[in-house]
Amino acid sequence: MRPETADIPAPLAAYQWRGRPERQAFKRVLDICGSLGLLVFLAPLLLAVWLILRLSGKGPVFFSQERVGQFGQTFRCLKFRTMVPDAAQRLEALLRDDPAAAAEWDDTRKLKNDPRITPLGDFLRKSSIDELPQLINILRGEMSLVGPRPVVFDEISRYGLDVIFYLRERPGLTGLWQVSGRSDTTYDERVLLDRAYSLRRSFWLDVRILLQTIPAVLKRKGAT
């Protein structure tokens, strides 16, 4: 089935800058090999988390949400479930009743004290284990090991004209944002980081980001 394309203004949706074909092919090979290797290596951990969430009996094991990918194509981004079943209702009530939380959400699309997150979900998020199912998205060709953080359609307007830099890349499991403070950065800073990655992208930049991801995750820098 052909991926759907988000309702993005035609001049932006038509922006099909692909860069050098050989680089794209090389990166795709690395994505496939890397994601397969990580799935095999992390299989015991993934199975343990799946079993715990399955036995908790409080909702599905996986959470999937439509995100905007390369060239505006939409896909279902996978994560381990970290929130309570009525998460949407809780968020709506909080943003309606708490101006400070609403301002924080508008600025970063994150909440430091998020009432939707379960105790196990808090651990999974701070350790970034919740995002490991995205290795499946990488195998499908919807994401890359390194790239911009995948966004929902409502966030596209926050990018302004810089959205062309987001749209020309596959969203990444990790990226400059993840190794530069994560939730400690503002949304505008996140947009600038995505633009910087797109302008400077190279094999060695990807390697550097991957190597920096490990200490960033262990230190839980900017994790919420």
C-alpha atoms as a PDB file:
ATOM      1  CA  MET A   1       0.000   0.000   0.000  1.00  0.00           C
ATOM      2  CA  ARG A   2       1.391   3.403  -0.982  1.00  0.00           C
ATOM      3  CA  PRO A   3       2.016   5.728   1.998  1.00  0.00           C
ATOM      4  CA  GLU A   4      -0.359   8.640   2.283  1.00  0.00           C
ATOM      5  CA  THR A   5       0.929  12.192   2.042  1.00  0.00           C
ATOM      6  CA  ALA A   6       0.138  14.761   4.715  1.00  0.00           C
ATOM      7  CA  ASP A   7      -1.939  17.781   3.688  1.00  0.00           C
ATOM      8  CA  ILE A   8       1.088  20.041   3.242  1.00  0.00           C
ATOM      9  CA  PRO A   9       1.030  23.075   0.894  1.00  0.00           C
ATOM     10  CA  ALA A  10       1.786  21.890  -2.636  1.00  0.00           C
ATOM     11  CA  PRO A  11       5.118  23.737  -3.125  1.00  0.00           C
ATOM     12  CA  LEU A  12       6.471  22.120   0.043  1.00  0.00           C
ATOM     13  CA  ALA A  13       4.999  18.662  -0.512  1.00  0.00           C
ATOM     14  CA  ALA A  14       6.506  18.674  -4.005  1.00  0.00           C
ATOM     15  CA  TYR A  15       9.973  19.410  -2.654  1.00  0.00           C
ATOM     16  CA  GLN A  16      11.741  16.173  -3.638  1.00  0.00           C
ATOM     17  CA  TRP A  17      15.394  17.039  -3.073  1.00  0.00           C
ATOM     18  CA  ARG A  18      17.073  13.669  -2.646  1.00  0.00           C
ATOM     19  CA  GLY A  19      20.761  14.454  -2.645  1.00  0.00           C
ATOM     20  CA  ARG A  20      23.327  12.103  -4.142  1.00  0.00           C
ATOM     21  CA  PRO A  21      21.737   8.713  -4.968  1.00  0.00           C
ATOM     22  CA  GLU A  22      24.810   6.781  -3.853  1.00  0.00           C
ATOM     23  CA  ARG A  23      24.736   8.453  -0.441  1.00  0.00           C
ATOM     24  CA  GLN A  24      21.035   7.701  -0.050  1.00  0.00           C
ATOM     25  CA  ALA A  25      21.623   4.055  -0.981  1.00  0.00           C
ATOM     26  CA  PHE A  26      24.599   3.750   1.375  1.00  0.00           C
ATOM     27  CA  LYS A  27      22.655   5.239   4.271  1.00  0.00           C
ATOM     28  CA  ARG A  28      19.731   2.906   3.571  1.00  0.00           C
ATOM     29  CA  VAL A  29      22.035  -0.133   3.689  1.00  0.00           C
ATOM     30  CA  LEU A  30      23.443   1.072   7.019  1.00  0.00           C
ATOM     31  CA  ASP A  31      19.922   1.618   8.345  1.00  0.00           C
ATOM     32  CA  ILE A  32      18.874  -1.921   7.440  1.00  0.00           C
ATOM     33  CA  CYS A  33      22.022  -3.546   8.836  1.00  0.00           C
ATOM     34  CA  GLY A  34      22.009  -1.384  11.963  1.00  0.00           C
ATOM     35  CA  SER A  35      18.339  -1.885  12.792  1.00  0.00           C
ATOM     36  CA  LEU A  36      18.521  -5.638  12.197  1.00  0.00           C
ATOM     37  CA  GLY A  37      21.614  -5.912  14.374  1.00  0.00           C
ATOM     38  CA  LEU A  38      20.029  -3.885  17.170  1.00  0.00           C
ATOM     39  CA  LEU A  39      16.807  -5.917  17.027  1.00  0.00           C
ATOM     40  CA  VAL A  40      18.785  -9.136  17.455  1.00  0.00           C
ATOM     41  CA  PHE A  41      21.048  -7.731  20.180  1.00  0.00           C
ATOM     42  CA  LEU A  42      18.185  -6.125  22.109  1.00  0.00           C
ATOM     43  CA  ALA A  43      15.712  -8.991  21.621  1.00  0.00           C
ATOM     44  CA  PRO A  44      15.831 -10.112  25.305  1.00  0.00           C
ATOM     45  CA  LEU A  45      15.149  -6.549  26.503  1.00  0.00           C
ATOM     46  CA  LEU A  46      12.370  -6.001  23.982  1.00  0.00           C
ATOM     47  CA  LEU A  47      10.751  -9.303  24.935  1.00  0.00           C
ATOM     48  CA  ALA A  48      10.947  -8.459  28.652  1.00  0.00           C
ATOM     49  CA  VAL A  49       9.300  -5.060  28.153  1.00  0.00           C
ATOM     50  CA  TRP A  50       6.644  -6.602  25.903  1.00  0.00           C
ATOM     51  CA  LEU A  51       5.868  -9.231  28.558  1.00  0.00           C
ATOM     52  CA  ILE A  52       5.628  -6.702  31.405  1.00  0.00           C
ATOM     53  CA  LEU A  53       3.301  -4.443  29.430  1.00  0.00           C
ATOM     54  CA  ARG A  54       1.255  -7.426  28.298  1.00  0.00           C
ATOM     55  CA  LEU A  55       0.804  -8.681  31.854  1.00  0.00           C
ATOM     56  CA  SER A  56      -0.097  -5.232  33.159  1.00  0.00           C
ATOM     57  CA  GLY A  57      -3.431  -5.544  31.371  1.00  0.00           C
ATOM     58  CA  LYS A  58      -3.890  -1.763  31.144  1.00  0.00           C
ATOM     59  CA  GLY A  59      -3.962  -1.192  27.435  1.00  0.00           C
ATOM     60  CA  PRO A  60      -2.059  -2.315  24.333  1.00  0.00           C
ATOM     61  CA  VAL A  61       1.658  -3.077  24.399  1.00  0.00           C
ATOM     62  CA  PHE A  62       2.430  -0.732  21.528  1.00  0.00           C
ATOM     63  CA  PHE A  63       1.369   2.825  20.827  1.00  0.00           C
ATOM     64  CA  SER A  64       1.295   4.001  17.226  1.00  0.00           C
ATOM     65  CA  GLN A  65       0.667   7.505  15.998  1.00  0.00           C
ATOM     66  CA  GLU A  66       0.598   9.030  12.538  1.00  0.00           C
ATOM     67  CA  ARG A  67       3.726  11.082  11.880  1.00  0.00           C
ATOM     68  CA  VAL A  68       4.973  13.073   8.901  1.00  0.00           C
ATOM     69  CA  GLY A  69       7.915  11.459   7.158  1.00  0.00           C
ATOM     70  CA  GLN A  70      10.189  12.189   4.220  1.00  0.00           C
ATOM     71  CA  PHE A  71       8.564  14.215   1.415  1.00  0.00           C
ATOM     72  CA  GLY A  72       5.387  14.543   3.500  1.00  0.00           C
ATOM     73  CA  GLN A  73       4.515  10.844   3.445  1.00  0.00           C
ATOM     74  CA  THR A  74       2.723   9.792   6.622  1.00  0.00           C
ATOM     75  CA  PHE A  75       3.437   6.622   8.580  1.00  0.00           C
ATOM     76  CA  ARG A  76       2.519   4.975  11.880  1.00  0.00           C
ATOM     77  CA  CYS A  77       5.377   5.618  14.315  1.00  0.00           C
ATOM     78  CA  LEU A  78       5.740   2.793  16.854  1.00  0.00           C
ATOM     79  CA  LYS A  79       6.551   3.038  20.555  1.00  0.00           C
ATOM     80  CA  PHE A  80       6.051   0.980  23.670  1.00  0.00           C
ATOM     81  CA  ARG A  81       2.987   2.280  25.503  1.00  0.00           C
ATOM     82  CA  THR A  82       3.976   4.642  28.320  1.00  0.00           C
ATOM     83  CA  MET A  83       0.680   6.390  29.066  1.00  0.00           C
ATOM     84  CA  VAL A  84      -2.614   5.644  30.760  1.00  0.00           C
ATOM     85  CA  PRO A  85      -5.553   4.618  28.521  1.00  0.00           C
ATOM     86  CA  ASP A  86      -7.326   7.998  28.920  1.00  0.00           C
ATOM     87  CA  ALA A  87      -4.199  10.034  28.108  1.00  0.00           C
ATOM     88  CA  ALA A  88      -5.890  12.297  25.551  1.00  0.00           C
ATOM     89  CA  GLN A  89      -8.631  13.320  27.973  1.00  0.00           C
ATOM     90  CA  ARG A  90      -6.131  14.008  30.752  1.00  0.00           C
ATOM     91  CA  LEU A  91      -4.025  16.207  28.494  1.00  0.00           C
ATOM     92  CA  GLU A  92      -7.040  18.156  27.298  1.00  0.00           C
ATOM     93  CA  ALA A  93      -8.184  18.796  30.874  1.00  0.00           C
ATOM     94  CA  LEU A  94      -4.700  19.816  32.027  1.00  0.00           C
ATOM     95  CA  LEU A  95      -4.129  22.279  29.185  1.00  0.00           C
ATOM     96  CA  ARG A  96      -7.569  23.769  29.772  1.00  0.00           C
ATOM     97  CA  ASP A  97      -7.149  24.221  33.538  1.00  0.00           C
ATOM     98  CA  ASP A  98      -3.411  24.935  33.911  1.00  0.00           C
ATOM     99  CA  PRO A  99      -2.078  27.979  31.960  1.00  0.00           C
ATOM    100  CA  ALA A 100       1.532  27.201  32.919  1.00  0.00           C
ATOM    101  CA  ALA A 101       1.262  23.667  31.579  1.00  0.00           C
ATOM    102  CA  ALA A 102      -0.424  24.979  28.426  1.00  0.00           C
ATOM    103  CA  ALA A 103       2.448  27.418  27.863  1.00  0.00           C
ATOM    104  CA  GLU A 104       5.020  24.671  28.438  1.00  0.00           C
ATOM    105  CA  TRP A 105       3.229  22.394  25.980  1.00  0.00           C
ATOM    106  CA  ASP A 106       2.996  25.153  23.376  1.00  0.00           C
ATOM    107  CA  ASP A 107       6.713  25.900  23.701  1.00  0.00           C
ATOM    108  CA  THR A 108       8.157  22.374  23.736  1.00  0.00           C
ATOM    109  CA  ARG A 109       5.327  19.897  23.034  1.00  0.00           C
ATOM    110  CA  LYS A 110       6.479  18.232  26.275  1.00  0.00           C
ATOM    111  CA  LEU A 111       5.487  18.341  29.952  1.00  0.00           C
ATOM    112  CA  LYS A 112       8.013  17.860  32.738  1.00  0.00           C
ATOM    113  CA  ASN A 113       5.259  16.642  35.083  1.00  0.00           C
ATOM    114  CA  ASP A 114       3.046  14.725  32.692  1.00  0.00           C
ATOM    115  CA  PRO A 115       0.012  13.148  34.429  1.00  0.00           C
ATOM    116  CA  ARG A 116      -0.536  10.803  31.496  1.00  0.00           C
ATOM    117  CA  ILE A 117       2.643   8.793  32.025  1.00  0.00           C
ATOM    118  CA  THR A 118       2.648   5.581  34.081  1.00  0.00           C
ATOM    119  CA  PRO A 119       5.492   4.755  36.528  1.00  0.00           C
ATOM    120  CA  LEU A 120       6.836   2.111  34.134  1.00  0.00           C
ATOM    121  CA  GLY A 121       6.311   4.499  31.243  1.00  0.00           C
ATOM    122  CA  ASP A 122       8.389   7.129  33.031  1.00  0.00           C
ATOM    123  CA  PHE A 123      11.313   4.704  33.211  1.00  0.00           C
ATOM    124  CA  LEU A 124      10.887   3.630  29.595  1.00  0.00           C
ATOM    125  CA  ARG A 125      10.874   7.246  28.444  1.00  0.00           C
ATOM    126  CA  LYS A 126      13.852   8.405  30.496  1.00  0.00           C
ATOM    127  CA  SER A 127      15.872   5.425  29.290  1.00  0.00           C
ATOM    128  CA  SER A 128      14.556   5.861  25.702  1.00  0.00           C
ATOM    129  CA  ILE A 129      13.553   2.186  25.678  1.00  0.00           C
ATOM    130  CA  ASP A 130      10.044   3.231  24.645  1.00  0.00           C
ATOM    131  CA  GLU A 131      11.353   4.267  21.218  1.00  0.00           C
ATOM    132  CA  LEU A 132      13.101   0.994  20.362  1.00  0.00           C
ATOM    133  CA  PRO A 133      10.081  -0.356  18.390  1.00  0.00           C
ATOM    134  CA  GLN A 134      10.936   2.340  15.849  1.00  0.00           C
ATOM    135  CA  LEU A 135      13.614  -0.070  14.647  1.00  0.00           C
ATOM    136  CA  ILE A 136      10.689  -1.675  12.804  1.00  0.00           C
ATOM    137  CA  ASN A 137       9.913   1.693  11.193  1.00  0.00           C
ATOM    138  CA  ILE A 138      13.536   1.847  10.055  1.00  0.00           C
ATOM    139  CA  LEU A 139      13.344  -1.599   8.466  1.00  0.00           C
ATOM    140  CA  ARG A 140      10.177  -0.520   6.648  1.00  0.00           C
ATOM    141  CA  GLY A 141      12.016   2.469   5.179  1.00  0.00           C
ATOM    142  CA  GLU A 142       9.865   4.984   7.048  1.00  0.00           C
ATOM    143  CA  MET A 143      12.644   6.168   9.364  1.00  0.00           C
ATOM    144  CA  SER A 144      16.422   6.213   9.622  1.00  0.00           C
ATOM    145  CA  LEU A 145      18.838   5.569  12.472  1.00  0.00           C
ATOM    146  CA  VAL A 146      19.758   9.277  12.382  1.00  0.00           C
ATOM    147  CA  GLY A 147      17.518  12.146  11.317  1.00  0.00           C
ATOM    148  CA  PRO A 148      15.011  14.726  12.581  1.00  0.00           C
ATOM    149  CA  ARG A 149      12.626  13.721  15.333  1.00  0.00           C
ATOM    150  CA  PRO A 150       9.353  12.512  13.722  1.00  0.00           C
ATOM    151  CA  VAL A 151       6.561  15.053  14.162  1.00  0.00           C
ATOM    152  CA  VAL A 152       2.775  14.982  13.973  1.00  0.00           C
ATOM    153  CA  PHE A 153       1.078  17.069  11.287  1.00  0.00           C
ATOM    154  CA  ASP A 154       0.015  19.803  13.745  1.00  0.00           C
ATOM    155  CA  GLU A 155       3.706  20.558  14.375  1.00  0.00           C
ATOM    156  CA  ILE A 156       4.589  21.168  10.723  1.00  0.00           C
ATOM    157  CA  SER A 157       3.407  24.784  10.921  1.00  0.00           C
ATOM    158  CA  ARG A 158       5.974  25.415  13.682  1.00  0.00           C
ATOM    159  CA  TYR A 159       8.775  24.896  11.159  1.00  0.00           C
ATOM    160  CA  GLY A 160       7.814  27.733   8.814  1.00  0.00           C
ATOM    161  CA  LEU A 161       9.942  27.714   5.664  1.00  0.00           C
ATOM    162  CA  ASP A 162      12.459  25.475   7.444  1.00  0.00           C
ATOM    163  CA  VAL A 163      10.015  22.612   6.909  1.00  0.00           C
ATOM    164  CA  ILE A 164      11.833  21.863   3.632  1.00  0.00           C
ATOM    165  CA  PHE A 165      14.824  20.692   5.672  1.00  0.00           C
ATOM    166  CA  TYR A 166      12.614  18.394   7.725  1.00  0.00           C
ATOM    167  CA  LEU A 167      10.794  16.981   4.699  1.00  0.00           C
ATOM    168  CA  ARG A 168      13.917  16.060   2.771  1.00  0.00           C
ATOM    169  CA  GLU A 169      15.105  13.640   5.474  1.00  0.00           C
ATOM    170  CA  ARG A 170      13.747  10.409   6.889  1.00  0.00           C
ATOM    171  CA  PRO A 171      12.904  10.989  10.565  1.00  0.00           C
ATOM    172  CA  GLY A 172      15.465   9.418  12.870  1.00  0.00           C
ATOM    173  CA  LEU A 173      15.562   7.185  15.923  1.00  0.00           C
ATOM    174  CA  THR A 174      18.197   9.629  17.134  1.00  0.00           C
ATOM    175  CA  GLY A 175      19.479  12.970  15.887  1.00  0.00           C
ATOM    176  CA  LEU A 176      20.992  16.315  16.825  1.00  0.00           C
ATOM    177  CA  TRP A 177      17.990  17.151  19.031  1.00  0.00           C
ATOM    178  CA  GLN A 178      18.360  13.955  21.045  1.00  0.00           C
ATOM    179  CA  VAL A 179      22.045  14.605  21.785  1.00  0.00           C
ATOM    180  CA  SER A 180      21.617  18.357  22.362  1.00  0.00           C
ATOM    181  CA  GLY A 181      19.415  18.460  25.430  1.00  0.00           C
ATOM    182  CA  ARG A 182      16.135  16.926  24.194  1.00  0.00           C
ATOM    183  CA  SER A 183      13.378  18.439  26.348  1.00  0.00           C
ATOM    184  CA  ASP A 184      15.773  21.076  27.722  1.00  0.00           C
ATOM    185  CA  THR A 185      15.604  22.809  24.335  1.00  0.00           C
ATOM    186  CA  THR A 186      12.777  24.994  23.042  1.00  0.00           C
ATOM    187  CA  TYR A 187      10.801  24.051  19.959  1.00  0.00           C
ATOM    188  CA  ASP A 188      12.460  26.809  17.936  1.00  0.00           C
ATOM    189  CA  GLU A 189      15.865  25.397  18.891  1.00  0.00           C
ATOM    190  CA  ARG A 190      14.690  21.971  17.783  1.00  0.00           C
ATOM    191  CA  VAL A 191      13.762  23.389  14.356  1.00  0.00           C
ATOM    192  CA  LEU A 192      17.217  24.956  14.065  1.00  0.00           C
ATOM    193  CA  LEU A 193      18.858  21.643  14.965  1.00  0.00           C
ATOM    194  CA  ASP A 194      16.853  19.834  12.280  1.00  0.00           C
ATOM    195  CA  ARG A 195      17.925  22.459   9.736  1.00  0.00           C
ATOM    196  CA  ALA A 196      21.558  22.197  10.828  1.00  0.00           C
ATOM    197  CA  TYR A 197      21.506  18.417  10.419  1.00  0.00           C
ATOM    198  CA  SER A 198      19.980  18.608   6.955  1.00  0.00           C
ATOM    199  CA  LEU A 199      22.541  21.172   5.788  1.00  0.00           C
ATOM    200  CA  ARG A 200      25.550  19.362   7.275  1.00  0.00           C
ATOM    201  CA  ARG A 201      24.497  15.742   6.937  1.00  0.00           C
ATOM    202  CA  SER A 202      27.228  13.252   6.149  1.00  0.00           C
ATOM    203  CA  PHE A 203      28.270   9.737   7.079  1.00  0.00           C
ATOM    204  CA  TRP A 204      30.663  11.031   9.725  1.00  0.00           C
ATOM    205  CA  LEU A 205      28.061  13.336  11.250  1.00  0.00           C
ATOM    206  CA  ASP A 206      25.734  10.338  11.573  1.00  0.00           C
ATOM    207  CA  VAL A 207      28.510   8.331  13.230  1.00  0.00           C
ATOM    208  CA  ARG A 208      29.207  11.169  15.666  1.00  0.00           C
ATOM    209  CA  ILE A 209      25.526  11.475  16.576  1.00  0.00           C
ATOM    210  CA  LEU A 210      25.202   7.712  17.093  1.00  0.00           C
ATOM    211  CA  LEU A 211      28.238   7.701  19.386  1.00  0.00           C
ATOM    212  CA  GLN A 212      26.915  10.692  21.347  1.00  0.00           C
ATOM    213  CA  THR A 213      23.521   9.045  21.730  1.00  0.00           C
ATOM    214  CA  ILE A 214      24.827   6.382  24.122  1.00  0.00           C
ATOM    215  CA  PRO A 215      26.128   8.785  26.829  1.00  0.00           C
ATOM    216  CA  ALA A 216      23.133  11.092  26.272  1.00  0.00           C
ATOM    217  CA  VAL A 217      20.756   8.211  27.021  1.00  0.00           C
ATOM    218  CA  LEU A 218      22.784   6.980  29.998  1.00  0.00           C
ATOM    219  CA  LYS A 219      22.926  10.480  31.492  1.00  0.00           C
ATOM    220  CA  ARG A 220      19.215  10.965  30.667  1.00  0.00           C
ATOM    221  CA  LYS A 221      20.030  14.495  29.555  1.00  0.00           C
ATOM    222  CA  GLY A 222      16.813  16.376  28.918  1.00  0.00           C
ATOM    223  CA  ALA A 223      14.734  13.210  29.343  1.00  0.00           C
ATOM    224  CA  THR A 224      11.113  13.526  30.469  1.00  0.00           C
END
